[in-house]
Amino acid sequence: MPWLLSPVQDPDPTPRWRLIRMLKTEPFEPLTLPVRDIRVVFGLKSRHYDGFVRHQVAHPHEFFCPMEALTAEDGHEDPEMQALMSRASASANFMRLP
């Protein structure tokens, strides 16, 4: 409950429950929300990332990259990061979008 009621990010006071758009009114007691889809991006230190890539298999909802790629000042312009994010997007599951 505290997480749902707290603001997403300063200075915006909008509580999380408003942004998830599953609730019509502010929750006043604990609740269970179904999770249909979740994707997670893990940022690993380079030495961990290199070893992980060689010896592990990621689950379909997991995406990995070096932490430096996540924290790079212009990381959003990196073609490899853009490719990773496009594979991680929900639209990647469809042959074509309407």
PDB file of N, CA and C in Angstrom:
ATOM      1  N   MET A   1       0.805  -1.193   0.000  1.00  0.00           N
ATOM      2  CA  MET A   1       0.000   0.000   0.000  1.00  0.00           C
ATOM      3  C   MET A   1       0.853   1.264   0.000  1.00  0.00           C
ATOM      4  N   PRO A   2       1.868   1.340   0.867  1.00  0.00           N
ATOM      5  CA  PRO A   2       2.685   2.559   0.832  1.00  0.00           C
ATOM      6  C   PRO A   2       3.295   2.806  -0.558  1.00  0.00           C
ATOM      7  N   TRP A   3       3.710   1.735  -1.237  1.00  0.00           N
ATOM      8  CA  TRP A   3       4.312   1.882  -2.569  1.00  0.00           C
ATOM      9  C   TRP A   3       3.272   2.411  -3.555  1.00  0.00           C
ATOM     10  N   LEU A   4       2.076   1.857  -3.555  1.00  0.00           N
ATOM     11  CA  LEU A   4       1.022   2.294  -4.472  1.00  0.00           C
ATOM     12  C   LEU A   4       0.617   3.746  -4.239  1.00  0.00           C
ATOM     13  N   LEU A   5       0.618   4.165  -2.988  1.00  0.00           N
ATOM     14  CA  LEU A   5       0.159   5.505  -2.644  1.00  0.00           C
ATOM     15  C   LEU A   5       1.241   6.568  -2.775  1.00  0.00           C
ATOM     16  N   SER A   6       2.490   6.150  -2.847  1.00  0.00           N
ATOM     17  CA  SER A   6       3.579   7.134  -2.924  1.00  0.00           C
ATOM     18  C   SER A   6       3.744   7.678  -4.335  1.00  0.00           C
ATOM     19  N   PRO A   7       4.339   8.884  -4.441  1.00  0.00           N
ATOM     20  CA  PRO A   7       4.563   9.471  -5.764  1.00  0.00           C
ATOM     21  C   PRO A   7       5.575   8.665  -6.568  1.00  0.00           C
ATOM     22  N   VAL A   8       5.401   8.682  -7.874  1.00  0.00           N
ATOM     23  CA  VAL A   8       6.306   7.950  -8.755  1.00  0.00           C
ATOM     24  C   VAL A   8       7.684   8.582  -8.741  1.00  0.00           C
ATOM     25  N   GLN A   9       7.732   9.905  -8.831  1.00  0.00           N
ATOM     26  CA  GLN A   9       9.017  10.580  -8.951  1.00  0.00           C
ATOM     27  C   GLN A   9       8.857  12.034  -8.541  1.00  0.00           C
ATOM     28  N   ASP A  10       9.834  12.564  -7.829  1.00  0.00           N
ATOM     29  CA  ASP A  10       9.837  13.985  -7.487  1.00  0.00           C
ATOM     30  C   ASP A  10      10.133  14.796  -8.731  1.00  0.00           C
ATOM     31  N   PRO A  11       9.594  15.919  -8.939  1.00  0.00           N
ATOM     32  CA  PRO A  11       8.661  16.668  -8.095  1.00  0.00           C
ATOM     33  C   PRO A  11       7.195  16.350  -8.384  1.00  0.00           C
ATOM     34  N   ASP A  12       6.909  15.399  -9.265  1.00  0.00           N
ATOM     35  CA  ASP A  12       5.525  15.054  -9.614  1.00  0.00           C
ATOM     36  C   ASP A  12       4.870  14.315  -8.446  1.00  0.00           C
ATOM     37  N   PRO A  13       3.766  14.834  -7.895  1.00  0.00           N
ATOM     38  CA  PRO A  13       3.119  14.187  -6.750  1.00  0.00           C
ATOM     39  C   PRO A  13       2.150  13.065  -7.129  1.00  0.00           C
ATOM     40  N   THR A  14       2.025  12.746  -8.419  1.00  0.00           N
ATOM     41  CA  THR A  14       1.072  11.714  -8.853  1.00  0.00           C
ATOM     42  C   THR A  14       1.397  10.366  -8.210  1.00  0.00           C
ATOM     43  N   PRO A  15       0.432   9.766  -7.508  1.00  0.00           N
ATOM     44  CA  PRO A  15       0.698   8.455  -6.891  1.00  0.00           C
ATOM     45  C   PRO A  15       0.703   7.342  -7.936  1.00  0.00           C
ATOM     46  N   ARG A  16       1.431   6.280  -7.634  1.00  0.00           N
ATOM     47  CA  ARG A  16       1.567   5.154  -8.570  1.00  0.00           C
ATOM     48  C   ARG A  16       0.220   4.549  -8.964  1.00  0.00           C
ATOM     49  N   TRP A  17      -0.711   4.440  -8.028  1.00  0.00           N
ATOM     50  CA  TRP A  17      -1.981   3.784  -8.337  1.00  0.00           C
ATOM     51  C   TRP A  17      -2.694   4.486  -9.489  1.00  0.00           C
ATOM     52  N   ARG A  18      -2.509   5.790  -9.645  1.00  0.00           N
ATOM     53  CA  ARG A  18      -3.157   6.505 -10.756  1.00  0.00           C
ATOM     54  C   ARG A  18      -2.515   6.152 -12.099  1.00  0.00           C
ATOM     55  N   LEU A  19      -1.219   5.920 -12.093  1.00  0.00           N
ATOM     56  CA  LEU A  19      -0.503   5.668 -13.337  1.00  0.00           C
ATOM     57  C   LEU A  19      -0.689   4.255 -13.866  1.00  0.00           C
ATOM     58  N   ILE A  20      -0.961   3.277 -13.006  1.00  0.00           N
ATOM     59  CA  ILE A  20      -1.128   1.907 -13.507  1.00  0.00           C
ATOM     60  C   ILE A  20      -2.478   1.705 -14.176  1.00  0.00           C
ATOM     61  N   ARG A  21      -3.417   2.601 -13.954  1.00  0.00           N
ATOM     62  CA  ARG A  21      -4.715   2.638 -14.637  1.00  0.00           C
ATOM     63  C   ARG A  21      -5.540   1.362 -14.485  1.00  0.00           C
ATOM     64  N   MET A  22      -5.344   0.652 -13.413  1.00  0.00           N
ATOM     65  CA  MET A  22      -6.174  -0.532 -13.142  1.00  0.00           C
ATOM     66  C   MET A  22      -7.201  -0.227 -12.059  1.00  0.00           C
ATOM     67  N   LEU A  23      -6.983   0.863 -11.317  1.00  0.00           N
ATOM     68  CA  LEU A  23      -7.864   1.207 -10.206  1.00  0.00           C
ATOM     69  C   LEU A  23      -8.602   2.495 -10.527  1.00  0.00           C
ATOM     70  N   LYS A  24      -9.910   2.515 -10.248  1.00  0.00           N
ATOM     71  CA  LYS A  24     -10.703   3.717 -10.516  1.00  0.00           C
ATOM     72  C   LYS A  24     -10.676   4.687  -9.350  1.00  0.00           C
ATOM     73  N   THR A  25     -10.425   4.163  -8.153  1.00  0.00           N
ATOM     74  CA  THR A  25     -10.357   5.013  -6.969  1.00  0.00           C
ATOM     75  C   THR A  25      -9.121   4.647  -6.155  1.00  0.00           C
ATOM     76  N   GLU A  26      -8.728   5.555  -5.292  1.00  0.00           N
ATOM     77  CA  GLU A  26      -7.553   5.323  -4.442  1.00  0.00           C
ATOM     78  C   GLU A  26      -7.800   4.122  -3.538  1.00  0.00           C
ATOM     79  N   PRO A  27      -6.864   3.180  -3.490  1.00  0.00           N
ATOM     80  CA  PRO A  27      -7.043   2.002  -2.626  1.00  0.00           C
ATOM     81  C   PRO A  27      -6.933   2.406  -1.150  1.00  0.00           C
ATOM     82  N   PHE A  28      -7.719   1.755  -0.312  1.00  0.00           N
ATOM     83  CA  PHE A  28      -7.681   2.050   1.124  1.00  0.00           C
ATOM     84  C   PHE A  28      -7.339   0.823   1.961  1.00  0.00           C
ATOM     85  N   GLU A  29      -7.167  -0.326   1.294  1.00  0.00           N
ATOM     86  CA  GLU A  29      -6.751  -1.549   1.985  1.00  0.00           C
ATOM     87  C   GLU A  29      -5.878  -2.365   1.035  1.00  0.00           C
ATOM     88  N   PRO A  30      -5.072  -3.271   1.559  1.00  0.00           N
ATOM     89  CA  PRO A  30      -4.197  -4.076   0.686  1.00  0.00           C
ATOM     90  C   PRO A  30      -5.002  -4.815  -0.388  1.00  0.00           C
ATOM     91  N   LEU A  31      -4.392  -4.974  -1.549  1.00  0.00           N
ATOM     92  CA  LEU A  31      -5.060  -5.656  -2.641  1.00  0.00           C
ATOM     93  C   LEU A  31      -4.055  -6.474  -3.440  1.00  0.00           C
ATOM     94  N   THR A  32      -4.568  -7.388  -4.216  1.00  0.00           N
ATOM     95  CA  THR A  32      -3.752  -8.223  -5.093  1.00  0.00           C
ATOM     96  C   THR A  32      -4.055  -7.814  -6.524  1.00  0.00           C
ATOM     97  N   LEU A  33      -3.001  -7.515  -7.278  1.00  0.00           N
ATOM     98  CA  LEU A  33      -3.169  -7.135  -8.674  1.00  0.00           C
ATOM     99  C   LEU A  33      -2.590  -8.219  -9.570  1.00  0.00           C
ATOM    100  N   PRO A  34      -3.319  -8.635 -10.599  1.00  0.00           N
ATOM    101  CA  PRO A  34      -2.767  -9.630 -11.518  1.00  0.00           C
ATOM    102  C   PRO A  34      -1.665  -9.010 -12.378  1.00  0.00           C
ATOM    103  N   VAL A  35      -0.660  -9.780 -12.642  1.00  0.00           N
ATOM    104  CA  VAL A  35       0.419  -9.330 -13.516  1.00  0.00           C
ATOM    105  C   VAL A  35       0.404 -10.236 -14.733  1.00  0.00           C
ATOM    106  N   ARG A  36       0.041  -9.677 -15.856  1.00  0.00           N
ATOM    107  CA  ARG A  36      -0.043 -10.464 -17.077  1.00  0.00           C
ATOM    108  C   ARG A  36       1.281 -10.494 -17.802  1.00  0.00           C
ATOM    109  N   ASP A  37       1.994  -9.397 -17.729  1.00  0.00           N
ATOM    110  CA  ASP A  37       3.199  -9.267 -18.518  1.00  0.00           C
ATOM    111  C   ASP A  37       4.225  -8.476 -17.717  1.00  0.00           C
ATOM    112  N   ILE A  38       5.418  -8.983 -17.690  1.00  0.00           N
ATOM    113  CA  ILE A  38       6.496  -8.276 -17.010  1.00  0.00           C
ATOM    114  C   ILE A  38       7.784  -8.548 -17.760  1.00  0.00           C
ATOM    115  N   ARG A  39       8.563  -7.526 -17.917  1.00  0.00           N
ATOM    116  CA  ARG A  39       9.887  -7.650 -18.512  1.00  0.00           C
ATOM    117  C   ARG A  39      10.855  -6.940 -17.582  1.00  0.00           C
ATOM    118  N   VAL A  40      12.032  -7.514 -17.425  1.00  0.00           N
ATOM    119  CA  VAL A  40      13.017  -6.959 -16.507  1.00  0.00           C
ATOM    120  C   VAL A  40      14.335  -6.785 -17.236  1.00  0.00           C
ATOM    121  N   VAL A  41      14.919  -5.601 -17.094  1.00  0.00           N
ATOM    122  CA  VAL A  41      16.252  -5.353 -17.642  1.00  0.00           C
ATOM    123  C   VAL A  41      17.224  -5.321 -16.466  1.00  0.00           C
ATOM    124  N   PHE A  42      18.217  -6.191 -16.513  1.00  0.00           N
ATOM    125  CA  PHE A  42      19.241  -6.253 -15.478  1.00  0.00           C
ATOM    126  C   PHE A  42      20.507  -5.597 -15.996  1.00  0.00           C
ATOM    127  N   GLY A  43      21.053  -4.694 -15.221  1.00  0.00           N
ATOM    128  CA  GLY A  43      22.345  -4.103 -15.536  1.00  0.00           C
ATOM    129  C   GLY A  43      23.398  -4.762 -14.665  1.00  0.00           C
ATOM    130  N   LEU A  44      24.359  -5.429 -15.277  1.00  0.00           N
ATOM    131  CA  LEU A  44      25.410  -6.132 -14.541  1.00  0.00           C
ATOM    132  C   LEU A  44      26.754  -5.452 -14.780  1.00  0.00           C
ATOM    133  N   LYS A  45      27.608  -5.482 -13.779  1.00  0.00           N
ATOM    134  CA  LYS A  45      28.971  -4.990 -13.982  1.00  0.00           C
ATOM    135  C   LYS A  45      29.593  -5.790 -15.116  1.00  0.00           C
ATOM    136  N   SER A  46      30.458  -5.155 -15.875  1.00  0.00           N
ATOM    137  CA  SER A  46      31.029  -5.798 -17.068  1.00  0.00           C
ATOM    138  C   SER A  46      31.612  -7.167 -16.778  1.00  0.00           C
ATOM    139  N   ARG A  47      32.345  -7.304 -15.698  1.00  0.00           N
ATOM    140  CA  ARG A  47      32.966  -8.603 -15.407  1.00  0.00           C
ATOM    141  C   ARG A  47      31.904  -9.666 -15.123  1.00  0.00           C
ATOM    142  N   HIS A  48      30.799  -9.288 -14.535  1.00  0.00           N
ATOM    143  CA  HIS A  48      29.713 -10.241 -14.283  1.00  0.00           C
ATOM    144  C   HIS A  48      28.935 -10.512 -15.562  1.00  0.00           C
ATOM    145  N   TYR A  49      28.698  -9.462 -16.335  1.00  0.00           N
ATOM    146  CA  TYR A  49      27.934  -9.597 -17.577  1.00  0.00           C
ATOM    147  C   TYR A  49      28.616 -10.569 -18.536  1.00  0.00           C
ATOM    148  N   ASP A  50      29.923 -10.390 -18.737  1.00  0.00           N
ATOM    149  CA  ASP A  50      30.665 -11.246 -19.672  1.00  0.00           C
ATOM    150  C   ASP A  50      30.570 -12.718 -19.283  1.00  0.00           C
ATOM    151  N   GLY A  51      30.722 -13.007 -18.010  1.00  0.00           N
ATOM    152  CA  GLY A  51      30.617 -14.389 -17.545  1.00  0.00           C
ATOM    153  C   GLY A  51      29.206 -14.930 -17.639  1.00  0.00           C
ATOM    154  N   PHE A  52      28.234 -14.098 -17.336  1.00  0.00           N
ATOM    155  CA  PHE A  52      26.837 -14.524 -17.393  1.00  0.00           C
ATOM    156  C   PHE A  52      26.438 -14.894 -18.815  1.00  0.00           C
ATOM    157  N   VAL A  53      26.812 -14.041 -19.757  1.00  0.00           N
ATOM    158  CA  VAL A  53      26.454 -14.284 -21.156  1.00  0.00           C
ATOM    159  C   VAL A  53      27.023 -15.607 -21.661  1.00  0.00           C
ATOM    160  N   ARG A  54      28.222 -15.953 -21.210  1.00  0.00           N
ATOM    161  CA  ARG A  54      28.868 -17.193 -21.670  1.00  0.00           C
ATOM    162  C   ARG A  54      28.246 -18.446 -21.084  1.00  0.00           C
ATOM    163  N   HIS A  55      27.679 -18.347 -19.875  1.00  0.00           N
ATOM    164  CA  HIS A  55      27.320 -19.566 -19.156  1.00  0.00           C
ATOM    165  C   HIS A  55      25.862 -19.671 -18.715  1.00  0.00           C
ATOM    166  N   GLN A  56      25.038 -18.716 -19.025  1.00  0.00           N
ATOM    167  CA  GLN A  56      23.655 -18.749 -18.559  1.00  0.00           C
ATOM    168  C   GLN A  56      22.686 -18.577 -19.724  1.00  0.00           C
ATOM    169  N   VAL A  57      21.455 -18.957 -19.471  1.00  0.00           N
ATOM    170  CA  VAL A  57      20.387 -18.750 -20.430  1.00  0.00           C
ATOM    171  C   VAL A  57      19.354 -17.846 -19.755  1.00  0.00           C
ATOM    172  N   ALA A  58      19.020 -16.757 -20.392  1.00  0.00           N
ATOM    173  CA  ALA A  58      18.042 -15.831 -19.822  1.00  0.00           C
ATOM    174  C   ALA A  58      16.633 -16.369 -20.038  1.00  0.00           C
ATOM    175  N   HIS A  59      15.755 -16.111 -19.103  1.00  0.00           N
ATOM    176  CA  HIS A  59      14.343 -16.435 -19.265  1.00  0.00           C
ATOM    177  C   HIS A  59      13.748 -15.446 -20.262  1.00  0.00           C
ATOM    178  N   PRO A  60      12.620 -15.793 -20.884  1.00  0.00           N
ATOM    179  CA  PRO A  60      12.051 -14.922 -21.915  1.00  0.00           C
ATOM    180  C   PRO A  60      11.727 -13.500 -21.447  1.00  0.00           C
ATOM    181  N   HIS A  61      11.479 -13.316 -20.165  1.00  0.00           N
ATOM    182  CA  HIS A  61      11.141 -11.984 -19.659  1.00  0.00           C
ATOM    183  C   HIS A  61      12.368 -11.214 -19.155  1.00  0.00           C
ATOM    184  N   GLU A  62      13.542 -11.808 -19.221  1.00  0.00           N
ATOM    185  CA  GLU A  62      14.765 -11.188 -18.698  1.00  0.00           C
ATOM    186  C   GLU A  62      15.642 -10.656 -19.832  1.00  0.00           C
ATOM    187  N   PHE A  63      16.173  -9.478 -19.627  1.00  0.00           N
ATOM    188  CA  PHE A  63      17.083  -8.849 -20.576  1.00  0.00           C
ATOM    189  C   PHE A  63      18.275  -8.326 -19.783  1.00  0.00           C
ATOM    190  N   PHE A  64      19.478  -8.514 -20.328  1.00  0.00           N
ATOM    191  CA  PHE A  64      20.707  -8.171 -19.615  1.00  0.00           C
ATOM    192  C   PHE A  64      21.567  -7.250 -20.455  1.00  0.00           C
ATOM    193  N   CYS A  65      22.253  -6.346 -19.771  1.00  0.00           N
ATOM    194  CA  CYS A  65      23.215  -5.481 -20.443  1.00  0.00           C
ATOM    195  C   CYS A  65      24.246  -5.039 -19.407  1.00  0.00           C
ATOM    196  N   PRO A  66      25.390  -4.565 -19.887  1.00  0.00           N
ATOM    197  CA  PRO A  66      26.370  -4.025 -18.947  1.00  0.00           C
ATOM    198  C   PRO A  66      25.817  -2.769 -18.276  1.00  0.00           C
ATOM    199  N   MET A  67      26.077  -2.617 -17.002  1.00  0.00           N
ATOM    200  CA  MET A  67      25.599  -1.465 -16.249  1.00  0.00           C
ATOM    201  C   MET A  67      26.055  -0.156 -16.892  1.00  0.00           C
ATOM    202  N   GLU A  68      27.252  -0.168 -17.433  1.00  0.00           N
ATOM    203  CA  GLU A  68      27.786   1.042 -18.061  1.00  0.00           C
ATOM    204  C   GLU A  68      26.898   1.491 -19.235  1.00  0.00           C
ATOM    205  N   ALA A  69      26.279   0.538 -19.911  1.00  0.00           N
ATOM    206  CA  ALA A  69      25.389   0.883 -21.020  1.00  0.00           C
ATOM    207  C   ALA A  69      24.119   1.563 -20.503  1.00  0.00           C
ATOM    208  N   LEU A  70      23.652   1.141 -19.327  1.00  0.00           N
ATOM    209  CA  LEU A  70      22.458   1.751 -18.739  1.00  0.00           C
ATOM    210  C   LEU A  70      22.727   3.153 -18.217  1.00  0.00           C
ATOM    211  N   THR A  71      23.923   3.368 -17.701  1.00  0.00           N
ATOM    212  CA  THR A  71      24.228   4.651 -17.068  1.00  0.00           C
ATOM    213  C   THR A  71      24.954   5.621 -17.995  1.00  0.00           C
ATOM    214  N   ALA A  72      25.246   5.209 -19.211  1.00  0.00           N
ATOM    215  CA  ALA A  72      25.946   6.091 -20.148  1.00  0.00           C
ATOM    216  C   ALA A  72      25.098   7.327 -20.428  1.00  0.00           C
ATOM    217  N   GLU A  73      25.752   8.470 -20.514  1.00  0.00           N
ATOM    218  CA  GLU A  73      25.045   9.734 -20.702  1.00  0.00           C
ATOM    219  C   GLU A  73      24.165   9.716 -21.965  1.00  0.00           C
ATOM    220  N   ASP A  74      24.678   9.205 -23.051  1.00  0.00           N
ATOM    221  CA  ASP A  74      23.908   9.122 -24.298  1.00  0.00           C
ATOM    222  C   ASP A  74      23.543   7.677 -24.620  1.00  0.00           C
ATOM    223  N   GLY A  75      23.336   6.875 -23.585  1.00  0.00           N
ATOM    224  CA  GLY A  75      23.045   5.461 -23.768  1.00  0.00           C
ATOM    225  C   GLY A  75      21.830   5.188 -24.636  1.00  0.00           C
ATOM    226  N   HIS A  76      20.857   6.077 -24.570  1.00  0.00           N
ATOM    227  CA  HIS A  76      19.640   5.890 -25.375  1.00  0.00           C
ATOM    228  C   HIS A  76      19.912   6.010 -26.875  1.00  0.00           C
ATOM    229  N   GLU A  77      21.071   6.542 -27.245  1.00  0.00           N
ATOM    230  CA  GLU A  77      21.437   6.670 -28.656  1.00  0.00           C
ATOM    231  C   GLU A  77      22.291   5.505 -29.154  1.00  0.00           C
ATOM    232  N   ASP A  78      22.710   4.626 -28.251  1.00  0.00           N
ATOM    233  CA  ASP A  78      23.537   3.468 -28.606  1.00  0.00           C
ATOM    234  C   ASP A  78      22.698   2.476 -29.416  1.00  0.00           C
ATOM    235  N   PRO A  79      23.108   2.135 -30.645  1.00  0.00           N
ATOM    236  CA  PRO A  79      22.331   1.204 -31.475  1.00  0.00           C
ATOM    237  C   PRO A  79      22.093  -0.150 -30.801  1.00  0.00           C
ATOM    238  N   GLU A  80      23.066  -0.641 -30.044  1.00  0.00           N
ATOM    239  CA  GLU A  80      22.872  -1.923 -29.353  1.00  0.00           C
ATOM    240  C   GLU A  80      21.806  -1.802 -28.264  1.00  0.00           C
ATOM    241  N   MET A  81      21.802  -0.684 -27.536  1.00  0.00           N
ATOM    242  CA  MET A  81      20.784  -0.475 -26.497  1.00  0.00           C
ATOM    243  C   MET A  81      19.413  -0.306 -27.146  1.00  0.00           C
ATOM    244  N   GLN A  82      19.338   0.408 -28.241  1.00  0.00           N
ATOM    245  CA  GLN A  82      18.069   0.569 -28.943  1.00  0.00           C
ATOM    246  C   GLN A  82      17.544  -0.785 -29.422  1.00  0.00           C
ATOM    247  N   ALA A  83      18.433  -1.630 -29.928  1.00  0.00           N
ATOM    248  CA  ALA A  83      18.030  -2.963 -30.379  1.00  0.00           C
ATOM    249  C   ALA A  83      17.529  -3.809 -29.207  1.00  0.00           C
ATOM    250  N   LEU A  84      18.219  -3.744 -28.078  1.00  0.00           N
ATOM    251  CA  LEU A  84      17.797  -4.492 -26.889  1.00  0.00           C
ATOM    252  C   LEU A  84      16.413  -4.038 -26.446  1.00  0.00           C
ATOM    253  N   MET A  85      16.197  -2.736 -26.379  1.00  0.00           N
ATOM    254  CA  MET A  85      14.896  -2.207 -25.942  1.00  0.00           C
ATOM    255  C   MET A  85      13.782  -2.574 -26.926  1.00  0.00           C
ATOM    256  N   SER A  86      14.105  -2.608 -28.213  1.00  0.00           N
ATOM    257  CA  SER A  86      13.061  -2.995 -29.173  1.00  0.00           C
ATOM    258  C   SER A  86      12.702  -4.471 -29.022  1.00  0.00           C
ATOM    259  N   ARG A  87      13.679  -5.312 -28.687  1.00  0.00           N
ATOM    260  CA  ARG A  87      13.375  -6.731 -28.449  1.00  0.00           C
ATOM    261  C   ARG A  87      12.600  -6.918 -27.150  1.00  0.00           C
ATOM    262  N   ALA A  88      12.804  -6.028 -26.197  1.00  0.00           N
ATOM    263  CA  ALA A  88      12.147  -6.137 -24.899  1.00  0.00           C
ATOM    264  C   ALA A  88      10.746  -5.522 -24.897  1.00  0.00           C
ATOM    265  N   SER A  89      10.389  -4.805 -25.935  1.00  0.00           N
ATOM    266  CA  SER A  89       9.087  -4.138 -25.957  1.00  0.00           C
ATOM    267  C   SER A  89       7.958  -5.129 -26.222  1.00  0.00           C
ATOM    268  N   ALA A  90       6.785  -4.795 -25.736  1.00  0.00           N
ATOM    269  CA  ALA A  90       5.618  -5.662 -25.942  1.00  0.00           C
ATOM    270  C   ALA A  90       5.273  -5.787 -27.417  1.00  0.00           C
ATOM    271  N   SER A  91       5.552  -4.766 -28.206  1.00  0.00           N
ATOM    272  CA  SER A  91       5.234  -4.822 -29.629  1.00  0.00           C
ATOM    273  C   SER A  91       6.104  -5.833 -30.375  1.00  0.00           C
ATOM    274  N   ALA A  92       7.222  -6.260 -29.765  1.00  0.00           N
ATOM    275  CA  ALA A  92       8.111  -7.238 -30.401  1.00  0.00           C
ATOM    276  C   ALA A  92       7.460  -8.615 -30.538  1.00  0.00           C
ATOM    277  N   ASN A  93       6.364  -8.844 -29.847  1.00  0.00           N
ATOM    278  CA  ASN A  93       5.692 -10.137 -29.879  1.00  0.00           C
ATOM    279  C   ASN A  93       4.769 -10.313 -31.077  1.00  0.00           C
ATOM    280  N   PHE A  94       4.608  -9.262 -31.875  1.00  0.00           N
ATOM    281  CA  PHE A  94       3.649  -9.314 -32.962  1.00  0.00           C
ATOM    282  C   PHE A  94       4.354  -9.171 -34.321  1.00  0.00           C
ATOM    283  N   MET A  95       3.816  -9.870 -35.302  1.00  0.00           N
ATOM    284  CA  MET A  95       4.377  -9.833 -36.650  1.00  0.00           C
ATOM    285  C   MET A  95       4.283  -8.419 -37.213  1.00  0.00           C
ATOM    286  N   ARG A  96       3.140  -7.800 -37.067  1.00  0.00           N
ATOM    287  CA  ARG A  96       2.961  -6.401 -37.481  1.00  0.00           C
ATOM    288  C   ARG A  96       1.894  -5.785 -36.587  1.00  0.00           C
ATOM    289  N   LEU A  97       1.973  -4.481 -36.442  1.00  0.00           N
ATOM    290  CA  LEU A  97       0.992  -3.767 -35.622  1.00  0.00           C
ATOM    291  C   LEU A  97      -0.016  -3.076 -36.527  1.00  0.00           C
ATOM    292  N   PRO A  98      -1.247  -2.935 -36.065  1.00  0.00           N
ATOM    293  CA  PRO A  98      -2.286  -2.258 -36.871  1.00  0.00           C
ATOM    294  C   PRO A  98      -1.983  -0.781 -37.056  1.00  0.00           C
TER     295      PRO A  98
END
